Protein backbone atom coordinates (compact mmCIF):
# COMPACT_ATOMS: atom_id res chain seq x y z
CA UNK A 1 0.00 0.00 0.00
CA UNK A 2 1.51 3.35 -0.97
CA UNK A 3 1.60 6.32 1.39
CA UNK A 4 -1.23 8.20 -0.37
CA UNK A 5 -3.55 5.21 -0.12
CA UNK A 6 -2.59 4.69 3.51
CA UNK A 7 -3.31 8.36 4.30
CA UNK A 8 -6.74 8.06 2.66
CA UNK A 9 -7.58 4.91 4.65
CA UNK A 10 -6.39 6.51 7.91
CA UNK A 11 -8.50 9.61 7.17
CA UNK A 12 -11.57 7.42 6.57
CA UNK A 13 -10.98 5.52 9.80
CA UNK A 14 -10.49 8.76 11.75
CA UNK A 15 -13.75 10.15 10.34
CA UNK A 16 -15.66 7.06 11.50
CA UNK A 17 -14.01 7.04 14.93
CA UNK A 18 -14.70 10.75 15.39
CA UNK A 19 -18.37 10.23 14.49
CA UNK A 20 -18.86 7.31 16.87
CA UNK A 21 -17.06 9.12 19.69
CA UNK A 22 -20.38 10.92 20.23
CA UNK A 23 -22.84 8.64 22.06
CA UNK A 24 -25.87 9.94 20.16
CA UNK A 25 -24.28 9.42 16.74
CA UNK A 26 -23.11 5.96 17.82
CA UNK A 27 -26.67 5.12 18.84
CA UNK A 28 -28.05 6.41 15.53
CA UNK A 29 -25.58 4.27 13.59
CA UNK A 30 -26.31 1.27 15.80
CA UNK A 31 -30.04 1.55 15.00
CA UNK A 32 -29.27 1.80 11.29
CA UNK A 33 -27.15 -1.35 11.54
CA UNK A 34 -29.72 -3.36 13.49
CA UNK A 35 -32.92 -2.01 11.93
CA UNK A 36 -31.70 -1.12 8.43
CA UNK A 37 -33.02 1.93 6.62
CA UNK A 38 -35.06 4.18 8.92
CA UNK A 39 -37.05 7.36 8.50
CA UNK A 40 -36.27 10.43 10.56
CA UNK A 41 -39.58 9.89 12.37
CA UNK A 42 -38.71 6.29 13.23
CA UNK A 43 -35.29 7.33 14.52
CA UNK A 44 -36.91 10.08 16.55
CA UNK A 45 -39.29 7.52 18.10
CA UNK A 46 -36.48 5.25 19.33
CA UNK A 47 -34.00 7.92 20.43
CA UNK A 48 -34.26 10.26 23.38
CA UNK A 49 -33.33 13.34 21.33
CA UNK A 50 -35.14 16.46 20.27
CA UNK A 51 -35.97 16.71 16.56
CA UNK A 52 -33.39 19.48 16.11
CA UNK A 53 -30.62 17.54 17.90
CA UNK A 54 -31.37 14.45 15.81
CA UNK A 55 -31.26 16.52 12.62
CA UNK A 56 -27.90 18.00 13.60
CA UNK A 57 -26.40 14.58 14.30
CA UNK A 58 -27.77 13.18 11.04
CA UNK A 59 -26.29 16.16 9.18
CA UNK A 60 -22.84 15.39 10.65
CA UNK A 61 -23.14 11.72 9.68
CA UNK A 62 -24.27 12.68 6.17
CA UNK A 63 -21.45 15.24 5.78
CA UNK A 64 -18.92 12.63 6.88
CA UNK A 65 -20.29 10.20 4.28
CA UNK A 66 -21.40 7.59 6.82
CA UNK A 67 -25.11 7.71 5.97
CA UNK A 68 -27.08 8.37 2.82
CA UNK A 69 -30.62 9.60 2.34
CA UNK A 70 -33.56 8.58 0.22
CA UNK A 71 -36.63 10.75 -0.02
CA UNK A 72 -40.08 9.30 -0.65
CA UNK A 73 -42.81 11.94 -0.80
CA UNK A 74 -42.25 14.02 2.37
CA UNK A 75 -40.37 11.30 4.27
CA UNK A 76 -36.56 11.14 4.42
CA UNK A 77 -34.98 7.73 5.02
CA UNK A 78 -31.43 7.15 6.27
CA UNK A 79 -29.18 4.15 5.74
CA UNK A 80 -25.49 3.30 6.03
CA UNK A 81 -23.22 4.03 3.08
CA UNK A 82 -20.59 1.32 3.54
CA UNK A 83 -20.04 -2.06 5.07
CA UNK A 84 -16.99 -0.91 7.07
CA UNK A 85 -19.26 1.02 9.44
CA UNK A 86 -21.46 -2.05 9.88
CA UNK A 87 -18.41 -4.21 10.66
CA UNK A 88 -17.01 -1.77 13.24
CA UNK A 89 -20.38 -1.48 14.98
CA UNK A 90 -20.82 -5.27 14.94
CA UNK A 91 -17.44 -5.60 16.65
CA UNK A 92 -18.42 -3.01 19.26
CA UNK A 93 -21.66 -4.90 19.87
CA UNK A 94 -19.72 -8.14 20.34
CA UNK A 95 -17.44 -6.43 22.86
CA UNK A 96 -20.03 -4.35 24.72
CA UNK A 97 -23.40 -5.92 23.83
CA UNK A 98 -26.14 -6.77 26.31
CA UNK A 99 -25.17 -10.40 26.69
CA UNK A 100 -21.50 -9.70 27.42
CA UNK A 101 -20.11 -9.08 30.87
CA UNK A 102 -19.12 -5.43 31.26
CA UNK A 103 -15.39 -4.85 31.67
CA UNK A 104 -14.16 -3.66 35.08
CA UNK A 105 -13.35 0.03 35.24
C-alpha cells in the first residue's frame, strides 16, 4: 500500500471514529445497523433526542459520508453508506453488547 492510499484509509478511519465518539451518533448508527433503513420519524421515536438535535447529528453523519438519504414523498430515510461502518459497529456490539459481561473500570 503506498503512502497516499494509507493516508486516505487513515482519514476514513479517523472520520468514522470521530463520528462514533459521540454517544448519540453511535446510537443512531447502531439503530441503522440493526434495523436497516429508517425514516427520521422512526429514529426520533427510538432515540431520546429532540428533533433538532437528531437533525444536527444526522447532518454530521451525512457530511462525513457515513449515511445516505432517500426521499419518498415528504419522508426522508437514512441508511449506512458502507459495510466498514457495519463491521465496526458489529465488533463493538460483540465487545459491549447486552449479553456480554461489562469490563471492570
